């Protein structure tokens, strides 16, 4: 009778240990969950930064379209990209 109880307890402890190990270390376990949540936060921050950059570039492109041409933007781009600066003129570029 005691041997059957001992075997039952050993099987139960082994099964319990196996389940605990998988809860912590498996692909869908706790460690993986923490790793994925930190990766999600990092990617959300990167996405926000890229979204701001995209909006800024869209504004610059819209300023250079022919129907809403911003002459100051055109002048700045010509000086920066084509080197149309005057003598003794200092050009500051963002």
PDB file of N, CA and C in Angstrom:
ATOM      1  N   UNK A   1       0.815  -1.187   0.000  1.00  0.00           N
ATOM      2  CA  UNK A   1       0.000   0.000   0.000  1.00  0.00           C
ATOM      3  C   UNK A   1       0.864   1.259   0.000  1.00  0.00           C
ATOM      4  N   UNK A   2       1.924   1.274   0.758  1.00  0.00           N
ATOM      5  CA  UNK A   2       2.789   2.455   0.822  1.00  0.00           C
ATOM      6  C   UNK A   2       3.538   2.655  -0.483  1.00  0.00           C
ATOM      7  N   UNK A   3       3.869   1.587  -1.170  1.00  0.00           N
ATOM      8  CA  UNK A   3       4.581   1.706  -2.438  1.00  0.00           C
ATOM      9  C   UNK A   3       3.674   2.345  -3.481  1.00  0.00           C
ATOM     10  N   UNK A   4       2.399   1.958  -3.499  1.00  0.00           N
ATOM     11  CA  UNK A   4       1.453   2.573  -4.438  1.00  0.00           C
ATOM     12  C   UNK A   4       1.294   4.055  -4.145  1.00  0.00           C
ATOM     13  N   UNK A   5       1.215   4.426  -2.872  1.00  0.00           N
ATOM     14  CA  UNK A   5       1.114   5.850  -2.511  1.00  0.00           C
ATOM     15  C   UNK A   5       2.376   6.605  -2.902  1.00  0.00           C
ATOM     16  N   UNK A   6       3.528   5.980  -2.688  1.00  0.00           N
ATOM     17  CA  UNK A   6       4.802   6.612  -3.038  1.00  0.00           C
ATOM     18  C   UNK A   6       4.893   6.807  -4.548  1.00  0.00           C
ATOM     19  N   UNK A   7       4.494   5.815  -5.325  1.00  0.00           N
ATOM     20  CA  UNK A   7       4.505   5.927  -6.786  1.00  0.00           C
ATOM     21  C   UNK A   7       3.535   7.022  -7.230  1.00  0.00           C
ATOM     22  N   UNK A   8       2.356   7.062  -6.638  1.00  0.00           N
ATOM     23  CA  UNK A   8       1.379   8.097  -6.970  1.00  0.00           C
ATOM     24  C   UNK A   8       1.938   9.481  -6.668  1.00  0.00           C
ATOM     25  N   UNK A   9       2.550   9.659  -5.523  1.00  0.00           N
ATOM     26  CA  UNK A   9       3.132  10.952  -5.143  1.00  0.00           C
ATOM     27  C   UNK A   9       4.270  11.315  -6.089  1.00  0.00           C
ATOM     28  N   UNK A  10       5.111  10.361  -6.462  1.00  0.00           N
ATOM     29  CA  UNK A  10       6.231  10.627  -7.379  1.00  0.00           C
ATOM     30  C   UNK A  10       5.704  11.063  -8.753  1.00  0.00           C
ATOM     31  N   UNK A  11       4.670  10.381  -9.232  1.00  0.00           N
ATOM     32  CA  UNK A  11       4.080  10.757 -10.518  1.00  0.00           C
ATOM     33  C   UNK A  11       3.459  12.146 -10.428  1.00  0.00           C
ATOM     34  N   UNK A  12       2.749  12.413  -9.349  1.00  0.00           N
ATOM     35  CA  UNK A  12       2.116  13.718  -9.162  1.00  0.00           C
ATOM     36  C   UNK A  12       3.165  14.834  -9.088  1.00  0.00           C
ATOM     37  N   UNK A  13       4.226  14.629  -8.339  1.00  0.00           N
ATOM     38  CA  UNK A  13       5.290  15.643  -8.206  1.00  0.00           C
ATOM     39  C   UNK A  13       5.987  15.847  -9.541  1.00  0.00           C
ATOM     40  N   UNK A  14       6.240  14.750 -10.261  1.00  0.00           N
ATOM     41  CA  UNK A  14       6.894  14.864 -11.578  1.00  0.00           C
ATOM     42  C   UNK A  14       6.008  15.631 -12.553  1.00  0.00           C
ATOM     43  N   UNK A  15       4.741  15.314 -12.586  1.00  0.00           N
ATOM     44  CA  UNK A  15       3.807  16.008 -13.457  1.00  0.00           C
ATOM     45  C   UNK A  15       3.686  17.483 -13.087  1.00  0.00           C
ATOM     46  N   UNK A  16       3.591  17.758 -11.796  1.00  0.00           N
ATOM     47  CA  UNK A  16       3.513  19.141 -11.315  1.00  0.00           C
ATOM     48  C   UNK A  16       4.780  19.917 -11.682  1.00  0.00           C
ATOM     49  N   UNK A  17       5.935  19.315 -11.500  1.00  0.00           N
ATOM     50  CA  UNK A  17       7.204  19.956 -11.868  1.00  0.00           C
ATOM     51  C   UNK A  17       7.288  20.228 -13.358  1.00  0.00           C
ATOM     52  N   UNK A  18       6.838  19.270 -14.159  1.00  0.00           N
ATOM     53  CA  UNK A  18       6.838  19.429 -15.607  1.00  0.00           C
ATOM     54  C   UNK A  18       5.946  20.600 -16.025  1.00  0.00           C
ATOM     55  N   UNK A  19       4.768  20.680 -15.447  1.00  0.00           N
ATOM     56  CA  UNK A  19       3.845  21.775 -15.779  1.00  0.00           C
ATOM     57  C   UNK A  19       4.398  23.131 -15.348  1.00  0.00           C
ATOM     58  N   UNK A  20       4.986  23.189 -14.171  1.00  0.00           N
ATOM     59  CA  UNK A  20       5.584  24.450 -13.696  1.00  0.00           C
ATOM     60  C   UNK A  20       6.723  24.873 -14.621  1.00  0.00           C
ATOM     61  N   UNK A  21       7.555  23.917 -15.013  1.00  0.00           N
ATOM     62  CA  UNK A  21       8.670  24.232 -15.911  1.00  0.00           C
ATOM     63  C   UNK A  21       8.135  24.826 -17.218  1.00  0.00           C
ATOM     64  N   UNK A  22       7.091  24.249 -17.785  1.00  0.00           N
ATOM     65  CA  UNK A  22       6.519  24.766 -19.024  1.00  0.00           C
ATOM     66  C   UNK A  22       5.840  26.113 -18.821  1.00  0.00           C
ATOM     67  N   UNK A  23       5.263  26.361 -17.678  1.00  0.00           N
ATOM     68  CA  UNK A  23       4.658  27.669 -17.419  1.00  0.00           C
ATOM     69  C   UNK A  23       5.699  28.782 -17.412  1.00  0.00           C
ATOM     70  N   UNK A  24       6.902  28.442 -17.020  1.00  0.00           N
ATOM     71  CA  UNK A  24       7.947  29.454 -16.902  1.00  0.00           C
ATOM     72  C   UNK A  24       8.815  29.530 -18.150  1.00  0.00           C
ATOM     73  N   UNK A  25       9.287  28.398 -18.666  1.00  0.00           N
ATOM     74  CA  UNK A  25      10.337  28.404 -19.683  1.00  0.00           C
ATOM     75  C   UNK A  25       9.891  28.060 -21.097  1.00  0.00           C
ATOM     76  N   UNK A  26       8.661  27.710 -21.339  1.00  0.00           N
ATOM     77  CA  UNK A  26       8.261  27.324 -22.700  1.00  0.00           C
ATOM     78  C   UNK A  26       8.113  28.555 -23.589  1.00  0.00           C
ATOM     79  N   UNK A  27       7.791  28.327 -24.868  1.00  0.00           N
ATOM     80  CA  UNK A  27       7.632  29.436 -25.822  1.00  0.00           C
ATOM     81  C   UNK A  27       6.501  30.374 -25.435  1.00  0.00           C
ATOM     82  N   UNK A  28       5.516  29.865 -24.726  1.00  0.00           N
ATOM     83  CA  UNK A  28       4.394  30.687 -24.286  1.00  0.00           C
ATOM     84  C   UNK A  28       4.413  30.867 -22.777  1.00  0.00           C
ATOM     85  N   UNK A  29       5.583  30.749 -22.183  1.00  0.00           N
ATOM     86  CA  UNK A  29       5.713  30.846 -20.737  1.00  0.00           C
ATOM     87  C   UNK A  29       5.917  32.273 -20.263  1.00  0.00           C
ATOM     88  N   UNK A  30       6.168  32.402 -18.968  1.00  0.00           N
ATOM     89  CA  UNK A  30       6.283  33.718 -18.331  1.00  0.00           C
ATOM     90  C   UNK A  30       7.478  34.507 -18.845  1.00  0.00           C
ATOM     91  N   UNK A  31       8.619  33.859 -19.015  1.00  0.00           N
ATOM     92  CA  UNK A  31       9.808  34.574 -19.485  1.00  0.00           C
ATOM     93  C   UNK A  31       9.583  35.086 -20.897  1.00  0.00           C
ATOM     94  N   UNK A  32       8.990  34.265 -21.741  1.00  0.00           N
ATOM     95  CA  UNK A  32       8.684  34.686 -23.102  1.00  0.00           C
ATOM     96  C   UNK A  32       7.681  35.840 -23.108  1.00  0.00           C
ATOM     97  N   UNK A  33       6.725  35.798 -22.210  1.00  0.00           N
ATOM     98  CA  UNK A  33       5.733  36.876 -22.103  1.00  0.00           C
ATOM     99  C   UNK A  33       6.396  38.200 -21.744  1.00  0.00           C
ATOM    100  N   UNK A  34       7.312  38.195 -20.775  1.00  0.00           N
ATOM    101  CA  UNK A  34       8.006  39.427 -20.403  1.00  0.00           C
ATOM    102  C   UNK A  34       8.875  39.934 -21.548  1.00  0.00           C
ATOM    103  N   UNK A  35       9.541  39.032 -22.250  1.00  0.00           N
ATOM    104  CA  UNK A  35      10.392  39.422 -23.366  1.00  0.00           C
ATOM    105  C   UNK A  35       9.548  40.053 -24.485  1.00  0.00           C
ATOM    106  N   UNK A  36       8.413  39.442 -24.776  1.00  0.00           N
ATOM    107  CA  UNK A  36       7.555  39.966 -25.836  1.00  0.00           C
ATOM    108  C   UNK A  36       6.911  41.302 -25.455  1.00  0.00           C
ATOM    109  N   UNK A  37       6.560  41.461 -24.185  1.00  0.00           N
ATOM    110  CA  UNK A  37       5.957  42.740 -23.787  1.00  0.00           C
ATOM    111  C   UNK A  37       6.976  43.875 -23.859  1.00  0.00           C
ATOM    112  N   UNK A  38       8.226  43.616 -23.488  1.00  0.00           N
ATOM    113  CA  UNK A  38       9.239  44.676 -23.595  1.00  0.00           C
ATOM    114  C   UNK A  38       9.538  44.976 -25.062  1.00  0.00           C
ATOM    115  N   UNK A  39       9.533  43.943 -25.898  1.00  0.00           N
ATOM    116  CA  UNK A  39       9.749  44.152 -27.329  1.00  0.00           C
ATOM    117  C   UNK A  39       8.592  44.950 -27.923  1.00  0.00           C
ATOM    118  N   UNK A  40       7.379  44.689 -27.478  1.00  0.00           N
ATOM    119  CA  UNK A  40       6.208  45.424 -27.963  1.00  0.00           C
ATOM    120  C   UNK A  40       6.313  46.902 -27.598  1.00  0.00           C
ATOM    121  N   UNK A  41       6.722  47.203 -26.362  1.00  0.00           N
ATOM    122  CA  UNK A  41       6.876  48.601 -25.942  1.00  0.00           C
ATOM    123  C   UNK A  41       7.935  49.298 -26.771  1.00  0.00           C
ATOM    124  N   UNK A  42       9.061  48.622 -27.023  1.00  0.00           N
ATOM    125  CA  UNK A  42      10.142  49.212 -27.807  1.00  0.00           C
ATOM    126  C   UNK A  42       9.663  49.483 -29.236  1.00  0.00           C
ATOM    127  N   UNK A  43       8.945  48.533 -29.816  1.00  0.00           N
ATOM    128  CA  UNK A  43       8.453  48.712 -31.184  1.00  0.00           C
ATOM    129  C   UNK A  43       7.387  49.801 -31.263  1.00  0.00           C
ATOM    130  N   UNK A  44       6.570  49.947 -30.226  1.00  0.00           N
ATOM    131  CA  UNK A  44       5.584  51.039 -30.202  1.00  0.00           C
ATOM    132  C   UNK A  44       6.271  52.397 -30.179  1.00  0.00           C
ATOM    133  N   UNK A  45       7.327  52.529 -29.364  1.00  0.00           N
ATOM    134  CA  UNK A  45       8.076  53.794 -29.330  1.00  0.00           C
ATOM    135  C   UNK A  45       8.723  54.074 -30.683  1.00  0.00           C
ATOM    136  N   UNK A  46       9.310  53.041 -31.290  1.00  0.00           N
ATOM    137  CA  UNK A  46       9.932  53.212 -32.602  1.00  0.00           C
ATOM    138  C   UNK A  46       8.882  53.578 -33.654  1.00  0.00           C
ATOM    139  N   UNK A  47       7.719  52.976 -33.560  1.00  0.00           N
ATOM    140  CA  UNK A  47       6.629  53.281 -34.496  1.00  0.00           C
ATOM    141  C   UNK A  47       6.181  54.733 -34.356  1.00  0.00           C
ATOM    142  N   UNK A  48       6.078  55.230 -33.133  1.00  0.00           N
ATOM    143  CA  UNK A  48       5.695  56.629 -32.926  1.00  0.00           C
ATOM    144  C   UNK A  48       6.734  57.569 -33.519  1.00  0.00           C
ATOM    145  N   UNK A  49       8.015  57.252 -33.327  1.00  0.00           N
ATOM    146  CA  UNK A  49       9.085  58.080 -33.880  1.00  0.00           C
ATOM    147  C   UNK A  49       9.027  58.088 -35.403  1.00  0.00           C
ATOM    148  N   UNK A  50       8.845  56.908 -35.986  1.00  0.00           N
ATOM    149  CA  UNK A  50       8.766  56.823 -37.442  1.00  0.00           C
ATOM    150  C   UNK A  50       7.531  57.534 -37.980  1.00  0.00           C
ATOM    151  N   UNK A  51       6.439  57.488 -37.240  1.00  0.00           N
ATOM    152  CA  UNK A  51       5.224  58.182 -37.664  1.00  0.00           C
ATOM    153  C   UNK A  51       5.431  59.689 -37.676  1.00  0.00           C
ATOM    154  N   UNK A  52       6.119  60.211 -36.652  1.00  0.00           N
ATOM    155  CA  UNK A  52       6.427  61.648 -36.623  1.00  0.00           C
ATOM    156  C   UNK A  52       7.324  62.027 -37.799  1.00  0.00           C
ATOM    157  N   UNK A  53       8.335  61.197 -38.079  1.00  0.00           N
ATOM    158  CA  UNK A  53       9.226  61.478 -39.208  1.00  0.00           C
ATOM    159  C   UNK A  53       8.461  61.461 -40.524  1.00  0.00           C
ATOM    160  N   UNK A  54       7.556  60.490 -40.688  1.00  0.00           N
ATOM    161  CA  UNK A  54       6.762  60.403 -41.903  1.00  0.00           C
ATOM    162  C   UNK A  54       5.894  61.641 -42.079  1.00  0.00           C
ATOM    163  N   UNK A  55       5.263  62.103 -40.988  1.00  0.00           N
ATOM    164  CA  UNK A  55       4.418  63.300 -41.076  1.00  0.00           C
ATOM    165  C   UNK A  55       5.237  64.527 -41.448  1.00  0.00           C
ATOM    166  N   UNK A  56       6.444  64.654 -40.879  1.00  0.00           N
ATOM    167  CA  UNK A  56       7.306  65.779 -41.225  1.00  0.00           C
ATOM    168  C   UNK A  56       7.707  65.730 -42.695  1.00  0.00           C
ATOM    169  N   UNK A  57       8.022  64.538 -43.195  1.00  0.00           N
ATOM    170  CA  UNK A  57       8.381  64.416 -44.607  1.00  0.00           C
ATOM    171  C   UNK A  57       7.187  64.704 -45.510  1.00  0.00           C
ATOM    172  N   UNK A  58       6.002  64.289 -45.102  1.00  0.00           N
ATOM    173  CA  UNK A  58       4.809  64.604 -45.888  1.00  0.00           C
ATOM    174  C   UNK A  58       4.583  66.111 -45.970  1.00  0.00           C
ATOM    175  N   UNK A  59       4.815  66.816 -44.856  1.00  0.00           N
ATOM    176  CA  UNK A  59       4.667  68.277 -44.862  1.00  0.00           C
ATOM    177  C   UNK A  59       5.660  68.909 -45.831  1.00  0.00           C
ATOM    178  N   UNK A  60       6.903  68.419 -45.813  1.00  0.00           N
ATOM    179  CA  UNK A  60       7.924  68.980 -46.707  1.00  0.00           C
ATOM    180  C   UNK A  60       7.579  68.710 -48.167  1.00  0.00           C
ATOM    181  N   UNK A  61       7.084  67.508 -48.454  1.00  0.00           N
ATOM    182  CA  UNK A  61       6.713  67.173 -49.829  1.00  0.00           C
ATOM    183  C   UNK A  61       5.544  68.041 -50.277  1.00  0.00           C
ATOM    184  N   UNK A  62       4.562  68.237 -49.406  1.00  0.00           N
ATOM    185  CA  UNK A  62       3.412  69.076 -49.767  1.00  0.00           C
ATOM    186  C   UNK A  62       3.824  70.520 -50.031  1.00  0.00           C
ATOM    187  N   UNK A  63       4.832  70.993 -49.325  1.00  0.00           N
ATOM    188  CA  UNK A  63       5.304  72.359 -49.560  1.00  0.00           C
ATOM    189  C   UNK A  63       5.994  72.493 -50.907  1.00  0.00           C
ATOM    190  N   UNK A  64       6.518  71.407 -51.446  1.00  0.00           N
ATOM    191  CA  UNK A  64       7.233  71.474 -52.722  1.00  0.00           C
ATOM    192  C   UNK A  64       6.346  71.128 -53.913  1.00  0.00           C
ATOM    193  N   UNK A  65       5.072  70.809 -53.706  1.00  0.00           N
ATOM    194  CA  UNK A  65       4.169  70.532 -54.821  1.00  0.00           C
ATOM    195  C   UNK A  65       3.838  71.826 -55.542  1.00  0.00           C
ATOM    196  N   UNK A  66       3.580  71.723 -56.831  1.00  0.00           N
ATOM    197  CA  UNK A  66       3.393  72.926 -57.645  1.00  0.00           C
ATOM    198  C   UNK A  66       2.145  73.714 -57.271  1.00  0.00           C
ATOM    199  N   UNK A  67       1.076  73.062 -56.803  1.00  0.00           N
ATOM    200  CA  UNK A  67      -0.145  73.795 -56.473  1.00  0.00           C
ATOM    201  C   UNK A  67      -0.034  74.566 -55.163  1.00  0.00           C
ATOM    202  N   UNK A  68       0.903  74.220 -54.315  1.00  0.00           N
ATOM    203  CA  UNK A  68       1.081  74.956 -53.064  1.00  0.00           C
ATOM    204  C   UNK A  68       2.572  75.177 -52.812  1.00  0.00           C
ATOM    205  N   UNK A  69       3.251  75.681 -53.807  1.00  0.00           N
ATOM    206  CA  UNK A  69       4.695  75.842 -53.745  1.00  0.00           C
ATOM    207  C   UNK A  69       5.075  76.924 -52.736  1.00  0.00           C
ATOM    208  N   UNK A  70       5.907  76.555 -51.808  1.00  0.00           N
ATOM    209  CA  UNK A  70       6.428  77.486 -50.811  1.00  0.00           C
ATOM    210  C   UNK A  70       7.781  77.979 -51.327  1.00  0.00           C
ATOM    211  N   UNK A  71       7.854  79.250 -51.651  1.00  0.00           N
ATOM    212  CA  UNK A  71       9.069  79.792 -52.258  1.00  0.00           C
ATOM    213  C   UNK A  71      10.255  79.748 -51.304  1.00  0.00           C
ATOM    214  N   UNK A  72       9.998  79.910 -50.024  1.00  0.00           N
ATOM    215  CA  UNK A  72      11.097  79.807 -49.057  1.00  0.00           C
ATOM    216  C   UNK A  72      11.671  78.390 -49.036  1.00  0.00           C
ATOM    217  N   UNK A  73      10.803  77.397 -49.110  1.00  0.00           N
ATOM    218  CA  UNK A  73      11.265  76.010 -49.137  1.00  0.00           C
ATOM    219  C   UNK A  73      12.043  75.744 -50.423  1.00  0.00           C
ATOM    220  N   UNK A  74      11.559  76.263 -51.537  1.00  0.00           N
ATOM    221  CA  UNK A  74      12.245  76.093 -52.811  1.00  0.00           C
ATOM    222  C   UNK A  74      13.629  76.732 -52.765  1.00  0.00           C
ATOM    223  N   UNK A  75      13.707  77.929 -52.208  1.00  0.00           N
ATOM    224  CA  UNK A  75      14.987  78.622 -52.082  1.00  0.00           C
ATOM    225  C   UNK A  75      15.942  77.830 -51.182  1.00  0.00           C
ATOM    226  N   UNK A  76      15.439  77.338 -50.075  1.00  0.00           N
ATOM    227  CA  UNK A  76      16.274  76.567 -49.144  1.00  0.00           C
ATOM    228  C   UNK A  76      16.809  75.300 -49.814  1.00  0.00           C
ATOM    229  N   UNK A  77      15.948  74.598 -50.532  1.00  0.00           N
ATOM    230  CA  UNK A  77      16.375  73.364 -51.190  1.00  0.00           C
ATOM    231  C   UNK A  77      17.379  73.649 -52.300  1.00  0.00           C
ATOM    232  N   UNK A  78      17.174  74.728 -53.041  1.00  0.00           N
ATOM    233  CA  UNK A  78      18.114  75.077 -54.108  1.00  0.00           C
ATOM    234  C   UNK A  78      19.483  75.416 -53.537  1.00  0.00           C
ATOM    235  N   UNK A  79      19.501  76.156 -52.451  1.00  0.00           N
ATOM    236  CA  UNK A  79      20.781  76.515 -51.835  1.00  0.00           C
ATOM    237  C   UNK A  79      21.481  75.288 -51.247  1.00  0.00           C
ATOM    238  N   UNK A  80      20.698  74.426 -50.617  1.00  0.00           N
ATOM    239  CA  UNK A  80      21.299  73.266 -49.957  1.00  0.00           C
ATOM    240  C   UNK A  80      21.755  72.219 -50.968  1.00  0.00           C
ATOM    241  N   UNK A  81      20.897  71.872 -51.917  1.00  0.00           N
ATOM    242  CA  UNK A  81      21.199  70.764 -52.818  1.00  0.00           C
ATOM    243  C   UNK A  81      22.009  71.163 -54.047  1.00  0.00           C
ATOM    244  N   UNK A  82      21.802  72.359 -54.534  1.00  0.00           N
ATOM    245  CA  UNK A  82      22.474  72.773 -55.762  1.00  0.00           C
ATOM    246  C   UNK A  82      23.648  73.715 -55.511  1.00  0.00           C
ATOM    247  N   UNK A  83      23.800  74.153 -54.277  1.00  0.00           N
ATOM    248  CA  UNK A  83      24.927  75.022 -53.959  1.00  0.00           C
ATOM    249  C   UNK A  83      24.760  76.435 -54.472  1.00  0.00           C
ATOM    250  N   UNK A  84      23.544  76.936 -54.525  1.00  0.00           N
ATOM    251  CA  UNK A  84      23.295  78.296 -54.994  1.00  0.00           C
ATOM    252  C   UNK A  84      23.415  79.305 -53.867  1.00  0.00           C
ATOM    253  N   UNK A  85      24.504  79.297 -53.173  1.00  0.00           N
ATOM    254  CA  UNK A  85      24.731  80.290 -52.143  1.00  0.00           C
ATOM    255  C   UNK A  85      25.520  81.459 -52.704  1.00  0.00           C
ATOM    256  N   UNK A  86      25.303  82.607 -52.153  1.00  0.00           N
ATOM    257  CA  UNK A  86      26.037  83.793 -52.617  1.00  0.00           C
ATOM    258  C   UNK A  86      27.391  83.852 -51.920  1.00  0.00           C
ATOM    259  N   UNK A  87      28.286  84.667 -52.436  1.00  0.00           N
ATOM    260  CA  UNK A  87      29.607  84.836 -51.805  1.00  0.00           C
ATOM    261  C   UNK A  87      29.445  85.406 -50.410  1.00  0.00           C
ATOM    262  N   UNK A  88      30.236  84.928 -49.490  1.00  0.00           N
ATOM    263  CA  UNK A  88      30.242  85.362 -48.099  1.00  0.00           C
ATOM    264  C   UNK A  88      28.882  85.127 -47.411  1.00  0.00           C
ATOM    265  N   UNK A  89      28.131  84.153 -47.922  1.00  0.00           N
ATOM    266  CA  UNK A  89      26.849  83.825 -47.318  1.00  0.00           C
ATOM    267  C   UNK A  89      26.995  82.498 -46.568  1.00  0.00           C
ATOM    268  N   UNK A  90      26.539  82.482 -45.340  1.00  0.00           N
ATOM    269  CA  UNK A  90      26.603  81.260 -44.542  1.00  0.00           C
ATOM    270  C   UNK A  90      25.245  80.581 -44.583  1.00  0.00           C
ATOM    271  N   UNK A  91      25.227  79.315 -44.952  1.00  0.00           N
ATOM    272  CA  UNK A  91      23.985  78.571 -45.050  1.00  0.00           C
ATOM    273  C   UNK A  91      23.940  77.550 -43.925  1.00  0.00           C
ATOM    274  N   UNK A  92      22.901  77.612 -43.139  1.00  0.00           N
ATOM    275  CA  UNK A  92      22.703  76.665 -42.047  1.00  0.00           C
ATOM    276  C   UNK A  92      21.652  75.645 -42.465  1.00  0.00           C
ATOM    277  N   UNK A  93      21.973  74.372 -42.331  1.00  0.00           N
ATOM    278  CA  UNK A  93      21.088  73.299 -42.764  1.00  0.00           C
ATOM    279  C   UNK A  93      20.717  72.470 -41.550  1.00  0.00           C
ATOM    280  N   UNK A  94      19.431  72.137 -41.460  1.00  0.00           N
ATOM    281  CA  UNK A  94      18.957  71.289 -40.357  1.00  0.00           C
ATOM    282  C   UNK A  94      19.516  69.906 -40.478  1.00  0.00           C
TER     283      UNK A  94
END
